[in-house]
Amino acid sequence: HMEKLFSSQLPTNNEKEEESQLKINNTSKEDNNEDINLNQPKEPKSPEFCVLIV
């Protein structure tokens, strides 16, 4: 049971990370890189990822 619980917890975190990354990827495809800077204030996660990307 513990193994199941643990494995079920991991995907949850990965899903959240993937979700935010997917959002960034979608914005980068829809908008130009310059527009991503404008979108930073809208999403608090965006700046963190941008820092990692840069």
N, C-alpha and C. Protein backbone atom coordinates (compact mmCIF):
# COMPACT_ATOMS: atom_id res chain seq x y z
N HIS A 1 0.84 -1.20 0.00
CA HIS A 1 0.00 0.00 0.00
C HIS A 1 0.88 1.26 0.00
N MET A 2 1.91 1.21 0.82
CA MET A 2 2.80 2.38 0.89
C MET A 2 3.41 2.67 -0.49
N GLU A 3 3.84 1.63 -1.14
CA GLU A 3 4.44 1.82 -2.47
C GLU A 3 3.43 2.47 -3.42
N LYS A 4 2.21 1.98 -3.36
CA LYS A 4 1.16 2.55 -4.24
C LYS A 4 0.96 4.03 -3.92
N LEU A 5 0.85 4.32 -2.64
CA LEU A 5 0.62 5.70 -2.22
C LEU A 5 1.77 6.58 -2.70
N PHE A 6 2.98 6.08 -2.50
CA PHE A 6 4.16 6.87 -2.88
C PHE A 6 4.17 7.11 -4.39
N SER A 7 3.92 6.07 -5.15
CA SER A 7 3.95 6.20 -6.62
C SER A 7 2.81 7.10 -7.09
N SER A 8 1.71 7.11 -6.34
CA SER A 8 0.58 7.96 -6.74
C SER A 8 0.89 9.42 -6.40
N GLN A 9 1.71 9.64 -5.37
CA GLN A 9 2.07 11.01 -5.00
C GLN A 9 3.04 11.61 -6.02
N LEU A 10 3.99 10.82 -6.46
CA LEU A 10 5.00 11.33 -7.39
C LEU A 10 4.36 11.89 -8.66
N PRO A 11 3.51 11.13 -9.33
CA PRO A 11 2.89 11.64 -10.57
C PRO A 11 2.15 12.96 -10.34
N THR A 12 1.58 13.12 -9.14
CA THR A 12 0.85 14.36 -8.87
C THR A 12 1.80 15.55 -8.99
N ASN A 13 2.96 15.44 -8.37
CA ASN A 13 3.94 16.54 -8.46
C ASN A 13 4.42 16.71 -9.90
N ASN A 14 4.70 15.60 -10.56
CA ASN A 14 5.18 15.68 -11.94
C ASN A 14 4.11 16.31 -12.83
N GLU A 15 2.88 15.94 -12.58
CA GLU A 15 1.78 16.49 -13.39
C GLU A 15 1.73 18.01 -13.24
N LYS A 16 1.86 18.47 -12.01
CA LYS A 16 1.81 19.93 -11.78
C LYS A 16 2.96 20.59 -12.52
N GLU A 17 4.15 20.03 -12.41
CA GLU A 17 5.31 20.63 -13.09
C GLU A 17 5.10 20.60 -14.59
N GLU A 18 4.65 19.45 -15.10
CA GLU A 18 4.42 19.34 -16.54
C GLU A 18 3.36 20.34 -16.99
N GLU A 19 2.32 20.49 -16.16
CA GLU A 19 1.23 21.40 -16.51
C GLU A 19 1.78 22.83 -16.68
N SER A 20 2.54 23.28 -15.69
CA SER A 20 3.08 24.64 -15.77
C SER A 20 4.02 24.75 -16.96
N GLN A 21 4.82 23.70 -17.21
CA GLN A 21 5.74 23.75 -18.35
C GLN A 21 4.94 23.79 -19.65
N LEU A 22 3.89 23.00 -19.72
CA LEU A 22 3.04 22.98 -20.92
C LEU A 22 2.47 24.38 -21.14
N LYS A 23 2.01 25.01 -20.07
CA LYS A 23 1.47 26.38 -20.19
C LYS A 23 2.52 27.30 -20.79
N ILE A 24 3.74 27.21 -20.28
CA ILE A 24 4.82 28.06 -20.79
C ILE A 24 5.07 27.74 -22.27
N ASN A 25 5.09 26.46 -22.59
CA ASN A 25 5.34 26.07 -23.98
C ASN A 25 4.23 26.61 -24.88
N ASN A 26 2.99 26.50 -24.40
CA ASN A 26 1.87 27.00 -25.20
C ASN A 26 1.98 28.51 -25.40
N THR A 27 2.32 29.22 -24.35
CA THR A 27 2.43 30.68 -24.47
C THR A 27 3.57 31.04 -25.42
N SER A 28 4.66 30.28 -25.34
CA SER A 28 5.80 30.59 -26.20
C SER A 28 5.44 30.33 -27.67
N LYS A 29 4.60 29.33 -27.89
CA LYS A 29 4.19 29.03 -29.27
C LYS A 29 3.20 30.08 -29.76
N GLU A 30 2.25 30.42 -28.88
CA GLU A 30 1.22 31.39 -29.29
C GLU A 30 1.81 32.80 -29.39
N ASP A 31 2.56 33.18 -28.37
CA ASP A 31 3.12 34.54 -28.35
C ASP A 31 4.63 34.48 -28.59
N ASN A 32 5.20 35.62 -28.93
CA ASN A 32 6.66 35.68 -29.11
C ASN A 32 7.34 35.70 -27.74
N ASN A 33 8.65 35.56 -27.75
CA ASN A 33 9.39 35.59 -26.48
C ASN A 33 9.15 36.91 -25.75
N GLU A 34 9.05 37.99 -26.50
CA GLU A 34 8.80 39.30 -25.88
C GLU A 34 7.46 39.29 -25.16
N ASP A 35 6.48 38.62 -25.78
CA ASP A 35 5.16 38.56 -25.15
C ASP A 35 5.19 37.75 -23.86
N ILE A 36 6.05 36.74 -23.81
CA ILE A 36 6.16 35.93 -22.59
C ILE A 36 6.53 36.84 -21.42
N ASN A 37 7.39 37.80 -21.64
CA ASN A 37 7.77 38.73 -20.57
C ASN A 37 6.53 39.47 -20.07
N LEU A 38 5.64 39.83 -20.98
CA LEU A 38 4.42 40.52 -20.59
C LEU A 38 3.51 39.57 -19.80
N ASN A 39 3.57 38.28 -20.12
CA ASN A 39 2.72 37.31 -19.43
C ASN A 39 3.26 36.95 -18.05
N GLN A 40 4.51 37.26 -17.79
CA GLN A 40 5.11 36.92 -16.49
C GLN A 40 4.26 37.37 -15.30
N PRO A 41 3.85 38.62 -15.24
CA PRO A 41 3.07 39.08 -14.09
C PRO A 41 1.78 38.29 -13.91
N LYS A 42 1.18 37.85 -15.03
CA LYS A 42 -0.09 37.13 -14.93
C LYS A 42 0.11 35.82 -14.17
N GLU A 43 1.12 35.05 -14.53
CA GLU A 43 1.33 33.75 -13.87
C GLU A 43 2.57 33.82 -12.97
N PRO A 44 2.39 33.60 -11.66
CA PRO A 44 3.53 33.65 -10.73
C PRO A 44 4.57 32.59 -11.05
N LYS A 45 4.13 31.44 -11.61
CA LYS A 45 5.09 30.37 -11.93
C LYS A 45 5.95 30.76 -13.13
N SER A 46 5.42 31.58 -14.00
CA SER A 46 6.14 31.93 -15.24
C SER A 46 7.54 32.50 -14.95
N PRO A 47 7.66 33.49 -14.08
CA PRO A 47 8.99 34.09 -13.83
C PRO A 47 10.00 33.04 -13.37
N GLU A 48 9.58 32.14 -12.50
CA GLU A 48 10.51 31.11 -12.00
C GLU A 48 11.03 30.28 -13.15
N PHE A 49 10.13 29.83 -14.01
CA PHE A 49 10.55 28.99 -15.14
C PHE A 49 11.42 29.81 -16.09
N CYS A 50 11.07 31.05 -16.30
CA CYS A 50 11.86 31.90 -17.19
C CYS A 50 13.29 32.02 -16.65
N VAL A 51 13.40 32.18 -15.34
CA VAL A 51 14.74 32.27 -14.73
C VAL A 51 15.52 30.98 -15.02
N LEU A 52 14.82 29.85 -14.90
CA LEU A 52 15.48 28.56 -15.17
C LEU A 52 15.88 28.50 -16.65
N ILE A 53 14.95 28.91 -17.52
CA ILE A 53 15.23 28.85 -18.96
C ILE A 53 16.42 29.76 -19.29
N VAL A 54 16.39 30.98 -18.74
CA VAL A 54 17.47 31.92 -19.02
C VAL A 54 18.72 31.41 -18.31
